[in-house]
Amino acid sequence: MTTKTFTIAGITQHDSNPAKIRWSNDLIRRIKQFTKSHPEGRCDFVQLPNDMTKLEALQFLQTHEAFQSPDDQVIISDAMSDRSKTSNSGYKVSLSLDAIRERGKAQLADTEVLESVLDAVVS
């Protein structure tokens, strides 16, 4: 999990694309960057009370008065659940060589079945 901190956070949206949470440390640069390519899009940023990680900033945005619409709350909640998943992924998955071989055999069997079906249809 990263510990990078930010001083600005907000929501942007352009055209018919879904809205996204954005973070920055330079409000002016971020607004210029976004409005240059999307002059008619949504660009709502707020100054965070102190340096915050992305998860802390999301928690702040969730309670901020500018982001209380149902759509904003869904966007923030989704981003929080995504960040929570990645922050808890400190476990290591170990696969045995046998498990990897079996997975390859299963894929070969699937390929053979698909080829036989294709042959039957084409013939």
Protein backbone atom coordinates (compact mmCIF):
# COMPACT_ATOMS: atom_id res chain seq x y z
CA MET A 1 0.00 0.00 0.00
CA THR A 2 1.31 3.43 -0.92
CA THR A 3 1.67 6.16 1.66
CA LYS A 4 1.80 9.06 -0.81
CA THR A 5 -0.18 12.03 0.44
CA PHE A 6 -2.20 14.72 -1.33
CA THR A 7 -3.54 18.17 -0.50
CA ILE A 8 -6.30 18.36 -3.16
CA ALA A 9 -9.08 15.89 -4.00
CA GLY A 10 -12.23 16.00 -6.05
CA ILE A 11 -14.42 14.57 -8.77
CA THR A 12 -14.09 15.12 -12.50
CA GLN A 13 -16.24 14.02 -15.40
CA HIS A 14 -16.20 14.75 -19.10
CA ASP A 15 -18.59 13.96 -21.91
CA SER A 16 -20.53 10.80 -21.20
CA ASN A 17 -17.64 9.07 -19.41
CA PRO A 18 -18.08 8.03 -15.80
CA ALA A 19 -17.02 10.43 -13.09
CA LYS A 20 -13.68 9.78 -11.40
CA ILE A 21 -12.03 10.72 -8.14
CA ARG A 22 -8.83 12.71 -8.70
CA TRP A 23 -6.00 13.63 -6.34
CA SER A 24 -3.32 16.28 -6.62
CA ASN A 25 -0.92 18.51 -4.76
CA ASP A 26 -1.35 21.48 -7.13
CA LEU A 27 -4.91 22.74 -7.58
CA ILE A 28 -4.20 25.24 -10.35
CA ARG A 29 -2.20 22.79 -12.47
CA ARG A 30 -4.82 20.08 -12.08
CA ILE A 31 -7.72 22.35 -13.06
CA LYS A 32 -5.79 23.74 -16.05
CA GLN A 33 -4.84 20.23 -17.13
CA PHE A 34 -8.42 18.99 -16.98
CA THR A 35 -10.20 22.00 -18.45
CA LYS A 36 -7.74 22.28 -21.33
CA SER A 37 -8.92 19.00 -22.84
CA HIS A 38 -12.48 19.04 -21.41
CA PRO A 39 -13.64 22.68 -21.12
CA GLU A 40 -17.27 21.74 -20.52
CA GLY A 41 -16.73 18.87 -18.12
CA ARG A 42 -17.22 18.72 -14.38
CA CYS A 43 -14.17 19.67 -12.34
CA ASP A 44 -14.89 19.91 -8.58
CA PHE A 45 -11.88 19.97 -6.27
CA VAL A 46 -11.50 20.86 -2.60
CA GLN A 47 -8.50 21.64 -0.45
CA LEU A 48 -7.93 18.88 2.10
CA PRO A 49 -7.45 20.03 5.72
CA ASN A 50 -4.00 18.40 5.80
CA ASP A 51 -1.90 15.99 3.77
CA MET A 52 -3.93 12.79 3.35
CA THR A 53 -3.57 9.42 1.72
CA LYS A 54 -6.11 8.49 -0.94
CA LEU A 55 -8.23 6.49 1.51
CA GLU A 56 -8.20 9.30 4.09
CA ALA A 57 -9.10 11.82 1.38
CA LEU A 58 -12.03 9.64 0.29
CA GLN A 59 -13.30 9.52 3.87
CA PHE A 60 -13.05 13.31 3.99
CA LEU A 61 -14.86 13.72 0.65
CA GLN A 62 -17.64 11.45 1.85
CA THR A 63 -18.53 13.96 4.57
CA HIS A 64 -17.79 17.16 2.62
CA GLU A 65 -20.86 19.26 1.81
CA ALA A 66 -19.90 19.66 -1.88
CA PHE A 67 -20.13 15.89 -2.50
CA GLN A 68 -23.39 14.92 -0.83
CA SER A 69 -25.39 14.08 -3.96
CA PRO A 70 -26.35 10.40 -4.28
CA ASP A 71 -24.20 10.05 -7.43
CA ASP A 72 -21.15 11.50 -5.69
CA GLN A 73 -21.65 9.27 -2.68
CA VAL A 74 -21.76 6.18 -4.92
CA ILE A 75 -18.56 7.24 -6.71
CA ILE A 76 -16.79 7.85 -3.40
CA SER A 77 -18.05 4.58 -1.88
CA ASP A 78 -16.91 2.59 -4.92
CA ALA A 79 -13.47 4.20 -4.80
CA MET A 80 -13.23 3.49 -1.06
CA SER A 81 -14.07 -0.18 -1.54
CA ASP A 82 -11.50 -0.42 -4.35
CA ARG A 83 -8.82 1.21 -2.20
CA SER A 84 -9.71 -0.98 0.79
CA LYS A 85 -9.32 -4.13 -1.31
CA THR A 86 -5.88 -3.14 -2.53
CA SER A 87 -4.71 -2.04 0.89
CA ASN A 88 -5.56 -5.43 2.42
CA SER A 89 -3.86 -7.49 -0.26
CA GLY A 90 -0.67 -8.09 1.70
CA TYR A 91 -0.94 -11.85 1.43
CA LYS A 92 1.04 -14.07 -0.89
CA VAL A 93 -0.57 -16.72 -3.05
CA SER A 94 1.53 -19.77 -3.69
CA LEU A 95 0.65 -22.27 -6.37
CA SER A 96 2.26 -25.64 -6.64
CA LEU A 97 3.79 -26.73 -9.90
CA ASP A 98 1.24 -29.54 -10.04
CA ALA A 99 -1.65 -27.07 -9.78
CA ILE A 100 -0.22 -25.05 -12.66
CA ARG A 101 0.17 -28.19 -14.79
CA GLU A 102 -3.42 -29.27 -14.08
CA ARG A 103 -4.70 -25.85 -15.10
CA GLY A 104 -2.85 -26.22 -18.42
CA LYS A 105 -4.32 -29.70 -18.97
CA ALA A 106 -7.83 -28.36 -18.34
CA GLN A 107 -7.29 -25.62 -20.93
CA LEU A 108 -6.09 -28.22 -23.47
CA ALA A 109 -9.19 -30.33 -22.84
CA ASP A 110 -11.40 -27.27 -23.38
CA THR A 111 -9.61 -26.53 -26.64
CA GLU A 112 -10.13 -30.08 -27.86
CA VAL A 113 -13.86 -29.92 -27.11
CA LEU A 114 -14.21 -26.59 -28.91
CA GLU A 115 -12.34 -27.92 -31.93
CA SER A 116 -14.56 -31.02 -32.14
CA VAL A 117 -17.70 -28.86 -31.92
CA LEU A 118 -16.37 -26.54 -34.61
CA ASP A 119 -15.56 -29.52 -36.84
CA ALA A 120 -19.09 -30.90 -36.36
CA VAL A 121 -20.68 -27.57 -37.23
CA VAL A 122 -18.50 -26.92 -40.26
CA SER A 123 -18.89 -30.45 -41.69
